[in-house]
N, C-alpha and C. Protein backbone atom coordinates (compact mmCIF):
# COMPACT_ATOMS: atom_id res chain seq x y z
N MET A 1 10.47 -14.81 -74.81
CA MET A 1 9.48 -14.56 -76.00
C MET A 1 8.11 -14.48 -75.29
N GLN A 2 7.28 -13.75 -75.86
CA GLN A 2 5.95 -13.37 -75.27
C GLN A 2 5.09 -14.58 -75.99
N LYS A 3 4.06 -15.12 -75.03
CA LYS A 3 3.23 -16.16 -75.67
C LYS A 3 2.11 -15.34 -76.53
N ARG A 4 1.95 -16.16 -77.76
CA ARG A 4 0.73 -15.49 -78.63
C ARG A 4 -0.50 -15.76 -77.97
N ILE A 5 -1.46 -14.71 -78.07
CA ILE A 5 -2.61 -14.79 -77.61
C ILE A 5 -3.48 -15.37 -78.39
N THR A 6 -4.40 -16.39 -78.01
CA THR A 6 -5.29 -17.06 -79.01
C THR A 6 -6.48 -16.08 -79.38
N ILE A 7 -7.09 -16.65 -80.45
CA ILE A 7 -8.23 -15.97 -81.06
C ILE A 7 -9.24 -15.83 -79.85
N GLU A 8 -9.59 -16.96 -79.21
CA GLU A 8 -10.52 -16.98 -78.11
C GLU A 8 -10.18 -16.19 -77.14
N GLU A 9 -8.95 -16.12 -76.66
CA GLU A 9 -8.55 -15.19 -75.60
C GLU A 9 -8.68 -13.64 -76.00
N PHE A 10 -8.33 -13.44 -77.12
CA PHE A 10 -8.49 -12.08 -77.59
C PHE A 10 -9.97 -11.70 -77.77
N LEU A 11 -10.89 -12.43 -78.21
CA LEU A 11 -12.27 -12.22 -78.28
C LEU A 11 -12.75 -11.98 -76.86
N ASN A 12 -12.56 -13.03 -75.94
CA ASN A 12 -12.97 -12.95 -74.50
C ASN A 12 -12.57 -11.63 -73.90
N THR A 13 -11.25 -11.17 -74.13
CA THR A 13 -10.71 -9.89 -73.46
C THR A 13 -11.36 -8.67 -74.08
N CYS A 14 -11.51 -8.66 -75.46
CA CYS A 14 -12.30 -7.66 -76.05
C CYS A 14 -13.76 -7.54 -75.60
N SER A 15 -14.43 -8.58 -75.33
CA SER A 15 -15.78 -8.59 -74.98
C SER A 15 -15.84 -8.23 -73.49
N ASP A 16 -14.96 -8.57 -72.63
CA ASP A 16 -14.81 -8.04 -71.21
C ASP A 16 -14.54 -6.51 -71.22
N LEU A 17 -13.63 -6.01 -71.97
CA LEU A 17 -13.31 -4.61 -72.07
C LEU A 17 -14.46 -3.86 -72.47
N LEU A 18 -15.24 -4.30 -73.46
CA LEU A 18 -16.31 -3.62 -74.02
C LEU A 18 -17.46 -3.66 -73.02
N SER A 19 -17.75 -4.69 -72.34
CA SER A 19 -18.73 -4.74 -71.26
C SER A 19 -18.41 -3.74 -70.20
N ARG A 20 -17.16 -3.59 -69.78
CA ARG A 20 -16.71 -2.74 -68.63
C ARG A 20 -17.09 -1.28 -69.26
N ALA A 21 -16.78 -1.01 -70.45
CA ALA A 21 -16.90 0.29 -71.05
C ALA A 21 -18.33 0.68 -70.99
N GLU A 22 -19.29 -0.26 -71.44
CA GLU A 22 -20.83 -0.06 -71.45
C GLU A 22 -21.11 0.34 -70.00
N SER A 23 -20.51 -0.30 -68.96
CA SER A 23 -21.08 -0.16 -67.75
C SER A 23 -20.72 1.21 -67.07
N VAL A 24 -19.74 2.08 -67.81
CA VAL A 24 -19.34 3.22 -67.28
C VAL A 24 -19.68 4.49 -68.32
N VAL A 25 -20.42 4.28 -69.14
CA VAL A 25 -20.61 5.30 -70.30
C VAL A 25 -20.96 6.59 -69.76
N LYS A 26 -21.56 6.64 -68.56
CA LYS A 26 -21.78 7.93 -67.93
C LYS A 26 -20.64 8.64 -67.00
N ASP A 27 -19.56 7.99 -67.11
CA ASP A 27 -18.35 8.35 -66.31
C ASP A 27 -17.29 8.62 -67.43
N PRO A 28 -17.21 9.80 -67.88
CA PRO A 28 -16.13 9.93 -69.06
C PRO A 28 -14.66 9.48 -68.80
N ASN A 29 -14.22 9.68 -67.63
CA ASN A 29 -12.89 9.24 -67.25
C ASN A 29 -12.70 7.80 -67.19
N LYS A 30 -13.70 7.10 -66.69
CA LYS A 30 -13.55 5.62 -66.67
C LYS A 30 -13.88 5.06 -67.99
N LEU A 31 -14.79 5.71 -68.95
CA LEU A 31 -14.91 5.24 -70.14
C LEU A 31 -13.67 5.37 -70.99
N ARG A 32 -13.06 6.50 -70.93
CA ARG A 32 -11.79 6.72 -71.57
C ARG A 32 -10.84 5.71 -71.23
N SER A 33 -10.67 5.41 -69.90
CA SER A 33 -9.69 4.55 -69.36
C SER A 33 -9.98 3.19 -69.99
N ASN A 34 -11.14 2.61 -70.03
CA ASN A 34 -11.59 1.29 -70.59
C ASN A 34 -11.28 1.19 -72.08
N LEU A 35 -11.56 2.37 -72.75
CA LEU A 35 -11.51 2.29 -74.24
C LEU A 35 -9.96 2.38 -74.58
N GLN A 36 -9.16 2.94 -73.72
CA GLN A 36 -7.64 3.13 -73.85
C GLN A 36 -7.04 1.53 -73.82
N ASP A 37 -7.64 0.83 -72.75
CA ASP A 37 -7.37 -0.54 -72.51
C ASP A 37 -7.69 -1.33 -73.78
N LEU A 38 -8.78 -1.08 -74.30
CA LEU A 38 -9.11 -1.79 -75.66
C LEU A 38 -8.21 -1.47 -76.80
N ASP A 39 -7.88 -0.20 -76.92
CA ASP A 39 -6.93 0.29 -77.82
C ASP A 39 -5.58 -0.50 -77.75
N ASN A 40 -5.12 -0.52 -76.55
CA ASN A 40 -3.75 -1.05 -76.17
C ASN A 40 -3.91 -2.54 -76.57
N LEU A 41 -4.95 -3.21 -76.37
CA LEU A 41 -5.09 -4.78 -76.67
C LEU A 41 -5.05 -4.80 -78.29
N LEU A 42 -5.83 -4.00 -78.92
CA LEU A 42 -5.81 -3.91 -80.34
C LEU A 42 -4.42 -3.81 -80.95
N ASN A 43 -3.76 -2.70 -80.51
CA ASN A 43 -2.40 -2.41 -80.97
C ASN A 43 -1.57 -3.48 -80.84
N LYS A 44 -1.46 -4.12 -79.57
CA LYS A 44 -0.61 -5.18 -79.19
C LYS A 44 -0.79 -6.41 -79.84
N HIS A 45 -2.06 -6.76 -80.20
CA HIS A 45 -2.42 -8.16 -80.66
C HIS A 45 -3.11 -8.30 -82.13
N TRP A 46 -3.67 -7.19 -82.63
CA TRP A 46 -4.44 -7.24 -83.74
C TRP A 46 -3.67 -8.04 -84.98
N SER A 47 -2.33 -7.71 -85.24
CA SER A 47 -1.75 -8.27 -86.44
C SER A 47 -1.60 -9.81 -86.22
N ASP A 48 -1.39 -10.35 -85.02
CA ASP A 48 -1.37 -11.73 -84.63
C ASP A 48 -2.72 -12.29 -84.94
N ILE A 49 -3.74 -11.71 -84.42
CA ILE A 49 -5.09 -12.37 -84.62
C ILE A 49 -5.46 -12.41 -86.04
N ILE A 50 -5.26 -11.49 -86.83
CA ILE A 50 -5.37 -11.29 -88.34
C ILE A 50 -4.78 -12.66 -88.92
N GLU A 51 -3.53 -12.78 -88.48
CA GLU A 51 -2.67 -13.87 -88.93
C GLU A 51 -3.17 -15.19 -88.79
N GLN A 52 -3.64 -15.34 -87.54
CA GLN A 52 -4.35 -16.56 -87.08
C GLN A 52 -5.61 -16.84 -87.77
N LEU A 53 -6.42 -15.80 -88.04
CA LEU A 53 -7.67 -15.89 -88.71
C LEU A 53 -7.38 -16.26 -90.09
N GLY A 54 -6.33 -15.83 -90.68
CA GLY A 54 -6.12 -16.15 -91.97
C GLY A 54 -5.47 -17.69 -92.14
N ASP A 55 -4.97 -18.16 -91.16
CA ASP A 55 -4.32 -19.64 -91.16
C ASP A 55 -5.51 -20.57 -91.06
N THR A 56 -6.68 -20.22 -90.38
CA THR A 56 -7.66 -21.34 -90.08
C THR A 56 -8.89 -20.64 -90.63
N GLU A 57 -9.87 -21.59 -90.63
CA GLU A 57 -11.31 -21.28 -90.88
C GLU A 57 -12.00 -21.05 -89.47
N PRO A 58 -12.39 -19.81 -89.12
CA PRO A 58 -13.00 -19.66 -87.82
C PRO A 58 -14.19 -20.40 -87.67
N SER A 59 -14.42 -21.03 -86.52
CA SER A 59 -15.63 -21.73 -86.30
C SER A 59 -16.92 -20.77 -86.25
N GLY A 60 -18.09 -21.36 -86.27
CA GLY A 60 -19.37 -20.60 -86.13
C GLY A 60 -19.35 -19.79 -84.89
N GLN A 61 -18.97 -20.30 -83.84
CA GLN A 61 -18.95 -19.68 -82.52
C GLN A 61 -18.06 -18.58 -82.58
N THR A 62 -16.78 -18.77 -83.10
CA THR A 62 -15.90 -17.58 -83.22
C THR A 62 -16.45 -16.43 -84.12
N ARG A 63 -17.16 -16.69 -85.28
CA ARG A 63 -17.78 -15.71 -86.13
C ARG A 63 -18.80 -15.17 -85.34
N ASP A 64 -19.52 -15.76 -84.60
CA ASP A 64 -20.72 -15.18 -83.81
C ASP A 64 -20.21 -14.29 -82.71
N ASN A 65 -18.90 -14.55 -82.05
CA ASN A 65 -18.27 -13.84 -81.18
C ASN A 65 -17.78 -12.44 -81.69
N ILE A 66 -17.36 -12.67 -82.79
CA ILE A 66 -16.69 -11.50 -83.51
C ILE A 66 -17.90 -10.38 -83.92
N GLN A 67 -19.01 -10.96 -84.25
CA GLN A 67 -20.23 -10.26 -84.67
C GLN A 67 -20.71 -9.38 -83.39
N LYS A 68 -20.73 -10.15 -82.31
CA LYS A 68 -21.04 -9.78 -80.99
C LYS A 68 -20.27 -8.51 -80.56
N ILE A 69 -19.03 -8.59 -80.71
CA ILE A 69 -18.11 -7.62 -80.47
C ILE A 69 -18.24 -6.32 -81.29
N PHE A 70 -18.50 -6.59 -82.67
CA PHE A 70 -18.78 -5.48 -83.59
C PHE A 70 -20.13 -4.68 -83.08
N ASN A 71 -21.06 -5.52 -82.75
CA ASN A 71 -22.32 -4.98 -82.33
C ASN A 71 -22.07 -4.19 -81.14
N LYS A 72 -21.34 -4.53 -80.01
CA LYS A 72 -20.94 -3.85 -78.89
C LYS A 72 -20.30 -2.53 -79.27
N ILE A 73 -19.47 -2.59 -80.28
CA ILE A 73 -18.68 -1.27 -80.75
C ILE A 73 -19.60 -0.47 -81.33
N MET A 74 -20.52 -0.71 -82.14
CA MET A 74 -21.54 -0.09 -82.68
C MET A 74 -22.45 0.67 -81.59
N GLU A 75 -22.86 -0.09 -80.59
CA GLU A 75 -23.84 0.33 -79.57
C GLU A 75 -22.94 1.40 -78.73
N LEU A 76 -21.75 1.29 -78.49
CA LEU A 76 -20.95 2.30 -77.75
C LEU A 76 -20.82 3.60 -78.50
N GLU A 77 -20.60 3.41 -79.75
CA GLU A 77 -20.41 4.47 -80.82
C GLU A 77 -21.69 5.25 -80.76
N LEU A 78 -22.87 4.72 -80.93
CA LEU A 78 -24.09 5.25 -80.91
C LEU A 78 -24.38 6.03 -79.55
N ILE A 79 -24.04 5.46 -78.38
CA ILE A 79 -24.12 6.08 -77.23
C ILE A 79 -23.15 7.27 -77.13
N SER A 80 -21.99 7.15 -77.47
CA SER A 80 -21.14 8.29 -77.44
C SER A 80 -21.69 9.45 -78.35
N LYS A 81 -22.09 9.18 -79.57
CA LYS A 81 -22.63 10.24 -80.42
C LYS A 81 -23.89 10.87 -79.85
N THR A 82 -24.77 10.13 -79.31
CA THR A 82 -25.93 10.59 -78.72
C THR A 82 -25.67 11.49 -77.59
N THR A 83 -24.72 11.20 -76.69
CA THR A 83 -24.20 12.00 -75.48
C THR A 83 -23.58 13.12 -75.97
N LEU A 84 -22.74 13.07 -76.92
CA LEU A 84 -22.02 14.33 -77.49
C LEU A 84 -22.98 15.27 -78.01
N SER A 85 -24.00 14.71 -78.73
CA SER A 85 -25.03 15.48 -79.41
C SER A 85 -25.88 16.33 -78.38
N LEU A 86 -26.21 15.52 -77.27
CA LEU A 86 -26.93 16.11 -76.19
C LEU A 86 -26.13 17.26 -75.49
N PHE A 87 -24.92 16.97 -75.35
CA PHE A 87 -24.10 18.22 -74.68
C PHE A 87 -23.90 19.21 -75.70
N ASP A 88 -23.83 18.94 -77.00
CA ASP A 88 -23.65 20.05 -77.88
C ASP A 88 -24.85 20.92 -78.03
N GLU A 89 -26.04 20.29 -77.86
CA GLU A 89 -27.29 20.90 -77.93
C GLU A 89 -27.53 21.83 -76.63
N MET A 90 -27.10 21.28 -75.41
CA MET A 90 -27.28 22.03 -74.13
C MET A 90 -26.10 23.15 -74.29
N LYS A 91 -24.98 23.07 -74.74
CA LYS A 91 -24.06 24.09 -74.73
C LYS A 91 -24.43 25.21 -75.69
N GLU A 92 -25.22 24.76 -77.01
CA GLU A 92 -25.75 25.77 -77.82
C GLU A 92 -26.88 26.53 -77.16
N PHE A 93 -27.73 25.84 -76.43
CA PHE A 93 -28.94 26.50 -75.84
C PHE A 93 -28.44 27.60 -74.83
N MET A 94 -27.32 27.19 -74.03
CA MET A 94 -26.87 28.05 -72.89
C MET A 94 -26.10 29.39 -73.58
N GLN A 95 -25.57 29.07 -74.73
CA GLN A 95 -24.79 30.21 -75.40
C GLN A 95 -25.94 31.16 -75.98
N ARG A 96 -27.02 30.60 -76.62
CA ARG A 96 -28.05 31.52 -76.90
C ARG A 96 -28.66 32.27 -76.03
N SER A 97 -28.83 31.62 -74.67
CA SER A 97 -29.56 32.20 -73.65
C SER A 97 -28.74 33.29 -73.06
N THR A 98 -27.38 33.21 -73.00
CA THR A 98 -26.36 34.19 -72.50
C THR A 98 -26.33 35.25 -73.42
N ASN A 99 -26.56 35.15 -74.66
CA ASN A 99 -26.35 36.03 -75.82
C ASN A 99 -27.53 36.97 -75.91
N ARG A 100 -28.53 36.80 -75.19
CA ARG A 100 -29.77 37.60 -75.34
C ARG A 100 -29.58 38.95 -74.73
């Protein structure tokens, strides 16, 4: 039987994966790989973590760590959207230039 991951271990792993993703935002393949690792972690452990959070009152430190993770996710989302927007604008510019 597999050992249940603790909330602290889960949050630390999420934070580590998000930090790695932040460090490779300019490399789409590495970013995709890091985000896939995060997705795998969530798929594997999310239901256990929700159950554990429901069983106990999270400490202030745990709530702070959860907030930090949400903030990192929002930052990565903003970076991704900004990058995609930039590429879309470049693509549109190039298409207009070649259609003249």
